[in-house]
PDB file of N, CA and C in Angstrom:
ATOM      1  N   UNK A   1       0.847  -1.172   0.000  1.00  0.00           N
ATOM      2  CA  UNK A   1       0.000   0.000   0.000  1.00  0.00           C
ATOM      3  C   UNK A   1       0.889   1.229   0.000  1.00  0.00           C
ATOM      4  N   UNK A   2       0.358   2.333  -0.454  1.00  0.00           N
ATOM      5  CA  UNK A   2       1.109   3.581  -0.490  1.00  0.00           C
ATOM      6  C   UNK A   2       0.696   4.459   0.684  1.00  0.00           C
ATOM      7  N   UNK A   3       1.659   5.211   1.213  1.00  0.00           N
ATOM      8  CA  UNK A   3       1.386   6.120   2.323  1.00  0.00           C
ATOM      9  C   UNK A   3       2.345   7.294   2.234  1.00  0.00           C
ATOM     10  N   UNK A   4       1.900   8.453   2.691  1.00  0.00           N
ATOM     11  CA  UNK A   4       2.786   9.608   2.799  1.00  0.00           C
ATOM     12  C   UNK A   4       3.441   9.525   4.169  1.00  0.00           C
ATOM     13  N   UNK A   5       4.766   9.502   4.191  1.00  0.00           N
ATOM     14  CA  UNK A   5       5.508   9.329   5.437  1.00  0.00           C
ATOM     15  C   UNK A   5       6.558  10.420   5.580  1.00  0.00           C
ATOM     16  N   UNK A   6       6.992  10.653   6.815  1.00  0.00           N
ATOM     17  CA  UNK A   6       8.083  11.590   7.101  1.00  0.00           C
ATOM     18  C   UNK A   6       9.091  10.896   8.010  1.00  0.00           C
ATOM     19  N   UNK A   7      10.305  11.421   7.998  1.00  0.00           N
ATOM     20  CA  UNK A   7      11.319  11.011   8.958  1.00  0.00           C
ATOM     21  C   UNK A   7      11.276  12.024  10.086  1.00  0.00           C
ATOM     22  N   UNK A   8      10.772  11.656  11.272  1.00  0.00           N
ATOM     23  CA  UNK A   8      10.649  12.615  12.363  1.00  0.00           C
ATOM     24  C   UNK A   8      11.986  13.286  12.675  1.00  0.00           C
ATOM     25  N   UNK A   9      11.924  14.600  12.893  1.00  0.00           N
ATOM     26  CA  UNK A   9      13.124  15.371  13.190  1.00  0.00           C
ATOM     27  C   UNK A   9      13.853  15.867  11.965  1.00  0.00           C
ATOM     28  N   UNK A  10      13.424  15.453  10.769  1.00  0.00           N
ATOM     29  CA  UNK A  10      14.043  15.898   9.521  1.00  0.00           C
ATOM     30  C   UNK A  10      13.037  16.768   8.775  1.00  0.00           C
ATOM     31  N   UNK A  11      13.274  18.094   8.718  1.00  0.00           N
ATOM     32  CA  UNK A  11      12.317  18.985   8.060  1.00  0.00           C
ATOM     33  C   UNK A  11      12.100  18.617   6.593  1.00  0.00           C
ATOM     34  N   UNK A  12      10.863  18.770   6.148  1.00  0.00           N
ATOM     35  CA  UNK A  12      10.465  18.578   4.751  1.00  0.00           C
ATOM     36  C   UNK A  12      10.890  17.220   4.192  1.00  0.00           C
ATOM     37  N   UNK A  13      10.691  16.169   4.983  1.00  0.00           N
ATOM     38  CA  UNK A  13      11.086  14.827   4.556  1.00  0.00           C
ATOM     39  C   UNK A  13       9.911  14.008   4.033  1.00  0.00           C
ATOM     40  N   UNK A  14       8.761  14.640   3.800  1.00  0.00           N
ATOM     41  CA  UNK A  14       7.583  13.906   3.324  1.00  0.00           C
ATOM     42  C   UNK A  14       7.902  13.200   2.009  1.00  0.00           C
ATOM     43  N   UNK A  15       7.509  11.937   1.943  1.00  0.00           N
ATOM     44  CA  UNK A  15       7.740  11.152   0.737  1.00  0.00           C
ATOM     45  C   UNK A  15       6.670  10.064   0.634  1.00  0.00           C
ATOM     46  N   UNK A  16       6.503   9.545  -0.566  1.00  0.00           N
ATOM     47  CA  UNK A  16       5.565   8.452  -0.791  1.00  0.00           C
ATOM     48  C   UNK A  16       6.278   7.147  -0.461  1.00  0.00           C
ATOM     49  N   UNK A  17       5.737   6.410   0.493  1.00  0.00           N
ATOM     50  CA  UNK A  17       6.348   5.149   0.928  1.00  0.00           C
ATOM     51  C   UNK A  17       5.473   3.979   0.495  1.00  0.00           C
ATOM     52  N   UNK A  18       6.107   2.903   0.126  1.00  0.00           N
ATOM     53  CA  UNK A  18       5.407   1.657  -0.206  1.00  0.00           C
ATOM     54  C   UNK A  18       5.515   0.748   1.013  1.00  0.00           C
ATOM     55  N   UNK A  19       4.378   0.413   1.602  1.00  0.00           N
ATOM     56  CA  UNK A  19       4.338  -0.402   2.813  1.00  0.00           C
ATOM     57  C   UNK A  19       3.619  -1.712   2.531  1.00  0.00           C
ATOM     58  N   UNK A  20       3.938  -2.769   3.282  1.00  0.00           N
ATOM     59  CA  UNK A  20       3.208  -4.018   3.095  1.00  0.00           C
ATOM     60  C   UNK A  20       1.741  -3.848   3.482  1.00  0.00           C
ATOM     61  N   UNK A  21       0.861  -4.508   2.742  1.00  0.00           N
ATOM     62  CA  UNK A  21      -0.565  -4.441   3.068  1.00  0.00           C
ATOM     63  C   UNK A  21      -0.790  -5.147   4.397  1.00  0.00           C
ATOM     64  N   UNK A  22      -1.437  -4.478   5.348  1.00  0.00           N
ATOM     65  CA  UNK A  22      -1.671  -5.130   6.633  1.00  0.00           C
ATOM     66  C   UNK A  22      -2.654  -6.292   6.496  1.00  0.00           C
ATOM     67  N   UNK A  23      -2.598  -7.179   7.457  1.00  0.00           N
ATOM     68  CA  UNK A  23      -3.552  -8.286   7.523  1.00  0.00           C
ATOM     69  C   UNK A  23      -4.315  -8.173   8.836  1.00  0.00           C
ATOM     70  N   UNK A  24      -5.362  -8.921   8.950  1.00  0.00           N
ATOM     71  CA  UNK A  24      -6.173  -8.894  10.168  1.00  0.00           C
ATOM     72  C   UNK A  24      -5.364  -9.384  11.374  1.00  0.00           C
ATOM     73  N   UNK A  25      -4.321 -10.169  11.137  1.00  0.00           N
ATOM     74  CA  UNK A  25      -3.498 -10.693  12.227  1.00  0.00           C
ATOM     75  C   UNK A  25      -2.266  -9.845  12.527  1.00  0.00           C
ATOM     76  N   UNK A  26      -1.977  -8.834  11.696  1.00  0.00           N
ATOM     77  CA  UNK A  26      -0.799  -8.001  11.958  1.00  0.00           C
ATOM     78  C   UNK A  26      -1.189  -6.863  12.897  1.00  0.00           C
ATOM     79  N   UNK A  27      -0.462  -6.763  13.990  1.00  0.00           N
ATOM     80  CA  UNK A  27      -0.721  -5.714  14.977  1.00  0.00           C
ATOM     81  C   UNK A  27       0.568  -4.927  15.156  1.00  0.00           C
ATOM     82  N   UNK A  28       0.558  -3.616  14.852  1.00  0.00           N
ATOM     83  CA  UNK A  28       1.776  -2.816  15.028  1.00  0.00           C
ATOM     84  C   UNK A  28       2.242  -2.838  16.481  1.00  0.00           C
ATOM     85  N   UNK A  29       3.563  -2.782  16.697  1.00  0.00           N
ATOM     86  CA  UNK A  29       4.084  -2.757  18.066  1.00  0.00           C
ATOM     87  C   UNK A  29       3.478  -1.602  18.862  1.00  0.00           C
ATOM     88  N   UNK A  30       3.180  -1.856  20.103  1.00  0.00           N
ATOM     89  CA  UNK A  30       2.647  -0.806  20.967  1.00  0.00           C
ATOM     90  C   UNK A  30       1.132  -0.756  21.038  1.00  0.00           C
ATOM     91  N   UNK A  31       0.432  -1.400  20.100  1.00  0.00           N
ATOM     92  CA  UNK A  31      -1.029  -1.408  20.147  1.00  0.00           C
ATOM     93  C   UNK A  31      -1.509  -2.576  20.995  1.00  0.00           C
ATOM     94  N   UNK A  32      -2.520  -2.331  21.787  1.00  0.00           N
ATOM     95  CA  UNK A  32      -3.040  -3.375  22.677  1.00  0.00           C
ATOM     96  C   UNK A  32      -4.279  -4.022  22.062  1.00  0.00           C
ATOM     97  N   UNK A  33      -4.072  -4.644  20.902  1.00  0.00           N
ATOM     98  CA  UNK A  33      -5.148  -5.357  20.213  1.00  0.00           C
ATOM     99  C   UNK A  33      -4.674  -6.793  20.021  1.00  0.00           C
ATOM    100  N   UNK A  34      -5.489  -7.734  20.426  1.00  0.00           N
ATOM    101  CA  UNK A  34      -5.127  -9.134  20.214  1.00  0.00           C
ATOM    102  C   UNK A  34      -5.238  -9.453  18.729  1.00  0.00           C
ATOM    103  N   UNK A  35      -4.259 -10.183  18.175  1.00  0.00           N
ATOM    104  CA  UNK A  35      -4.349 -10.571  16.770  1.00  0.00           C
ATOM    105  C   UNK A  35      -5.693 -11.229  16.474  1.00  0.00           C
ATOM    106  N   UNK A  36      -6.290 -10.852  15.351  1.00  0.00           N
ATOM    107  CA  UNK A  36      -7.577 -11.395  14.949  1.00  0.00           C
ATOM    108  C   UNK A  36      -8.772 -10.639  15.501  1.00  0.00           C
ATOM    109  N   UNK A  37      -8.543  -9.596  16.300  1.00  0.00           N
ATOM    110  CA  UNK A  37      -9.638  -8.837  16.894  1.00  0.00           C
ATOM    111  C   UNK A  37      -9.717  -7.408  16.349  1.00  0.00           C
ATOM    112  N   UNK A  38      -9.053  -7.132  15.253  1.00  0.00           N
ATOM    113  CA  UNK A  38      -9.111  -5.815  14.634  1.00  0.00           C
ATOM    114  C   UNK A  38      -9.935  -5.870  13.358  1.00  0.00           C
ATOM    115  N   UNK A  39      -9.894  -4.809  12.599  1.00  0.00           N
ATOM    116  CA  UNK A  39     -10.561  -4.756  11.300  1.00  0.00           C
ATOM    117  C   UNK A  39      -9.601  -4.153  10.286  1.00  0.00           C
ATOM    118  N   UNK A  40      -9.813  -4.478   9.022  1.00  0.00           N
ATOM    119  CA  UNK A  40      -9.091  -3.834   7.936  1.00  0.00           C
ATOM    120  C   UNK A  40     -10.008  -2.786   7.334  1.00  0.00           C
ATOM    121  N   UNK A  41      -9.475  -1.600   7.121  1.00  0.00           N
ATOM    122  CA  UNK A  41     -10.253  -0.513   6.539  1.00  0.00           C
ATOM    123  C   UNK A  41      -9.581  -0.086   5.242  1.00  0.00           C
ATOM    124  N   UNK A  42     -10.322  -0.151   4.141  1.00  0.00           N
ATOM    125  CA  UNK A  42      -9.813   0.344   2.858  1.00  0.00           C
ATOM    126  C   UNK A  42     -10.058   1.841   2.838  1.00  0.00           C
ATOM    127  N   UNK A  43      -8.983   2.603   2.848  1.00  0.00           N
ATOM    128  CA  UNK A  43      -9.088   4.055   2.897  1.00  0.00           C
ATOM    129  C   UNK A  43      -9.587   4.612   1.562  1.00  0.00           C
ATOM    130  N   UNK A  44     -10.565   5.483   1.651  1.00  0.00           N
ATOM    131  CA  UNK A  44     -11.082   6.160   0.468  1.00  0.00           C
ATOM    132  C   UNK A  44     -10.578   7.598   0.411  1.00  0.00           C
ATOM    133  N   UNK A  45     -10.515   8.242   1.557  1.00  0.00           N
ATOM    134  CA  UNK A  45     -10.030   9.627   1.654  1.00  0.00           C
ATOM    135  C   UNK A  45      -9.232   9.764   2.946  1.00  0.00           C
ATOM    136  N   UNK A  46      -8.161  10.527   2.908  1.00  0.00           N
ATOM    137  CA  UNK A  46      -7.377  10.826   4.110  1.00  0.00           C
ATOM    138  C   UNK A  46      -7.048  12.307   4.086  1.00  0.00           C
ATOM    139  N   UNK A  47      -7.319  12.974   5.195  1.00  0.00           N
ATOM    140  CA  UNK A  47      -7.022  14.397   5.294  1.00  0.00           C
ATOM    141  C   UNK A  47      -5.646  14.635   5.888  1.00  0.00           C
ATOM    142  N   UNK A  48      -4.937  15.583   5.318  1.00  0.00           N
ATOM    143  CA  UNK A  48      -3.663  16.044   5.858  1.00  0.00           C
ATOM    144  C   UNK A  48      -3.914  17.467   6.324  1.00  0.00           C
ATOM    145  N   UNK A  49      -3.696  17.718   7.616  1.00  0.00           N
ATOM    146  CA  UNK A  49      -4.037  19.029   8.169  1.00  0.00           C
ATOM    147  C   UNK A  49      -2.811  19.728   8.745  1.00  0.00           C
ATOM    148  N   UNK A  50      -3.046  20.768   9.530  1.00  0.00           N
ATOM    149  CA  UNK A  50      -1.954  21.576  10.086  1.00  0.00           C
ATOM    150  C   UNK A  50      -1.043  20.752  10.991  1.00  0.00           C
ATOM    151  N   UNK A  51      -1.595  19.769  11.692  1.00  0.00           N
ATOM    152  CA  UNK A  51      -0.756  18.911  12.533  1.00  0.00           C
ATOM    153  C   UNK A  51       0.262  18.170  11.677  1.00  0.00           C
ATOM    154  N   UNK A  52      -0.191  17.605  10.554  1.00  0.00           N
ATOM    155  CA  UNK A  52       0.715  16.896   9.654  1.00  0.00           C
ATOM    156  C   UNK A  52       1.755  17.853   9.076  1.00  0.00           C
ATOM    157  N   UNK A  53       1.344  19.067   8.765  1.00  0.00           N
ATOM    158  CA  UNK A  53       2.278  20.085   8.252  1.00  0.00           C
ATOM    159  C   UNK A  53       3.368  20.364   9.283  1.00  0.00           C
ATOM    160  N   UNK A  54       2.984  20.493  10.544  1.00  0.00           N
ATOM    161  CA  UNK A  54       3.964  20.761  11.601  1.00  0.00           C
ATOM    162  C   UNK A  54       4.887  19.561  11.824  1.00  0.00           C
ATOM    163  N   UNK A  55       4.359  18.350  11.693  1.00  0.00           N
ATOM    164  CA  UNK A  55       5.213  17.160  11.808  1.00  0.00           C
ATOM    165  C   UNK A  55       6.221  17.153  10.666  1.00  0.00           C
ATOM    166  N   UNK A  56       5.784  17.482   9.443  1.00  0.00           N
ATOM    167  CA  UNK A  56       6.698  17.541   8.302  1.00  0.00           C
ATOM    168  C   UNK A  56       7.742  18.638   8.480  1.00  0.00           C
ATOM    169  N   UNK A  57       7.406  19.688   9.210  1.00  0.00           N
ATOM    170  CA  UNK A  57       8.373  20.767   9.478  1.00  0.00           C
ATOM    171  C   UNK A  57       9.296  20.412  10.642  1.00  0.00           C
ATOM    172  N   UNK A  58       9.167  19.204  11.187  1.00  0.00           N
ATOM    173  CA  UNK A  58       9.992  18.681  12.287  1.00  0.00           C
ATOM    174  C   UNK A  58       9.779  19.441  13.588  1.00  0.00           C
ATOM    175  N   UNK A  59       8.576  20.002  13.779  1.00  0.00           N
ATOM    176  CA  UNK A  59       8.288  20.699  15.026  1.00  0.00           C
ATOM    177  C   UNK A  59       7.996  19.709  16.145  1.00  0.00           C
ATOM    178  N   UNK A  60       7.466  18.546  15.805  1.00  0.00           N
ATOM    179  CA  UNK A  60       7.259  17.470  16.777  1.00  0.00           C
ATOM    180  C   UNK A  60       6.875  16.202  16.043  1.00  0.00           C
ATOM    181  N   UNK A  61       6.730  15.127  16.780  1.00  0.00           N
ATOM    182  CA  UNK A  61       6.343  13.842  16.197  1.00  0.00           C
ATOM    183  C   UNK A  61       7.443  12.816  16.357  1.00  0.00           C
ATOM    184  N   UNK A  62       7.055  11.603  16.681  1.00  0.00           N
ATOM    185  CA  UNK A  62       7.993  10.493  16.843  1.00  0.00           C
ATOM    186  C   UNK A  62       7.522   9.308  16.018  1.00  0.00           C
ATOM    187  N   UNK A  63       8.484   8.548  15.533  1.00  0.00           N
ATOM    188  CA  UNK A  63       8.149   7.318  14.820  1.00  0.00           C
ATOM    189  C   UNK A  63       7.678   6.275  15.826  1.00  0.00           C
ATOM    190  N   UNK A  64       6.770   5.391  15.416  1.00  0.00           N
ATOM    191  CA  UNK A  64       6.353   4.316  16.317  1.00  0.00           C
ATOM    192  C   UNK A  64       7.537   3.392  16.636  1.00  0.00           C
ATOM    193  N   UNK A  65       7.470   2.665  17.742  1.00  0.00           N
ATOM    194  CA  UNK A  65       8.559   1.748  18.095  1.00  0.00           C
ATOM    195  C   UNK A  65       8.879   0.790  16.948  1.00  0.00           C
ATOM    196  N   UNK A  66      10.160   0.655  16.643  1.00  0.00           N
ATOM    197  CA  UNK A  66      10.606  -0.251  15.596  1.00  0.00           C
ATOM    198  C   UNK A  66      10.546   0.318  14.193  1.00  0.00           C
ATOM    199  N   UNK A  67      10.242   1.605  14.043  1.00  0.00           N
ATOM    200  CA  UNK A  67      10.129   2.220  12.720  1.00  0.00           C
ATOM    201  C   UNK A  67      10.985   3.477  12.646  1.00  0.00           C
ATOM    202  N   UNK A  68      11.431   3.804  11.440  1.00  0.00           N
ATOM    203  CA  UNK A  68      12.217   5.021  11.223  1.00  0.00           C
ATOM    204  C   UNK A  68      11.375   6.156  10.668  1.00  0.00           C
ATOM    205  N   UNK A  69      10.096   5.902  10.410  1.00  0.00           N
ATOM    206  CA  UNK A  69       9.262   6.936   9.804  1.00  0.00           C
ATOM    207  C   UNK A  69       7.890   6.967  10.462  1.00  0.00           C
ATOM    208  N   UNK A  70       7.151   8.014  10.152  1.00  0.00           N
ATOM    209  CA  UNK A  70       5.806   8.225  10.679  1.00  0.00           C
ATOM    210  C   UNK A  70       4.886   8.499   9.501  1.00  0.00           C
ATOM    211  N   UNK A  71       3.778   7.779   9.408  1.00  0.00           N
ATOM    212  CA  UNK A  71       2.810   7.967   8.325  1.00  0.00           C
ATOM    213  C   UNK A  71       1.910   9.146   8.675  1.00  0.00           C
ATOM    214  N   UNK A  72       1.740  10.064   7.723  1.00  0.00           N
ATOM    215  CA  UNK A  72       0.888  11.233   7.926  1.00  0.00           C
ATOM    216  C   UNK A  72      -0.561  10.915   7.581  1.00  0.00           C
ATOM    217  N   UNK A  73      -1.462  11.793   8.045  1.00  0.00           N
ATOM    218  CA  UNK A  73      -2.880  11.680   7.731  1.00  0.00           C
ATOM    219  C   UNK A  73      -3.626  10.924   8.804  1.00  0.00           C
ATOM    220  N   UNK A  74      -4.435  11.625   9.561  1.00  0.00           N
ATOM    221  CA  UNK A  74      -5.151  10.958  10.647  1.00  0.00           C
ATOM    222  C   UNK A  74      -6.653  11.218  10.604  1.00  0.00           C
ATOM    223  N   UNK A  75      -7.101  11.952   9.628  1.00  0.00           N
ATOM    224  CA  UNK A  75      -8.542  12.170   9.441  1.00  0.00           C
ATOM    225  C   UNK A  75      -8.933  11.375   8.208  1.00  0.00           C
ATOM    226  N   UNK A  76      -9.544  10.223   8.419  1.00  0.00           N
ATOM    227  CA  UNK A  76      -9.749   9.317   7.297  1.00  0.00           C
ATOM    228  C   UNK A  76     -11.192   8.857   7.167  1.00  0.00           C
ATOM    229  N   UNK A  77     -11.482   8.355   5.976  1.00  0.00           N
ATOM    230  CA  UNK A  77     -12.802   7.848   5.627  1.00  0.00           C
ATOM    231  C   UNK A  77     -12.571   6.576   4.833  1.00  0.00           C
ATOM    232  N   UNK A  78     -13.200   5.479   5.239  1.00  0.00           N
ATOM    233  CA  UNK A  78     -12.974   4.240   4.525  1.00  0.00           C
ATOM    234  C   UNK A  78     -14.091   3.238   4.720  1.00  0.00           C
ATOM    235  N   UNK A  79     -13.876   2.056   4.168  1.00  0.00           N
ATOM    236  CA  UNK A  79     -14.842   0.968   4.226  1.00  0.00           C
ATOM    237  C   UNK A  79     -14.188  -0.203   4.950  1.00  0.00           C
ATOM    238  N   UNK A  80     -14.880  -0.757   5.951  1.00  0.00           N
ATOM    239  CA  UNK A  80     -14.382  -1.941   6.640  1.00  0.00           C
ATOM    240  C   UNK A  80     -14.509  -3.120   5.687  1.00  0.00           C
ATOM    241  N   UNK A  81     -13.400  -3.824   5.478  1.00  0.00           N
ATOM    242  CA  UNK A  81     -13.405  -4.974   4.555  1.00  0.00           C
ATOM    243  C   UNK A  81     -13.612  -6.266   5.302  1.00  0.00           C
TER     244      UNK A  81
END
């Protein structure tokens, strides 16, 4: 899947990243969801707002544990598959 990502702490590092498609059993580190108890959502629209702009400007934001980047866009609309 494609995602807009930044390298936290590096100004203007937004780039298009190719990520593996998640599965119902894949749970990112740090989330308290038992495998098989989540849902997959096919994103139709994702909003990038001032918070994402500030993260891209390296004003704040941290990558999740085990990752070197942070995916932008947190206002989304999709269909549960």
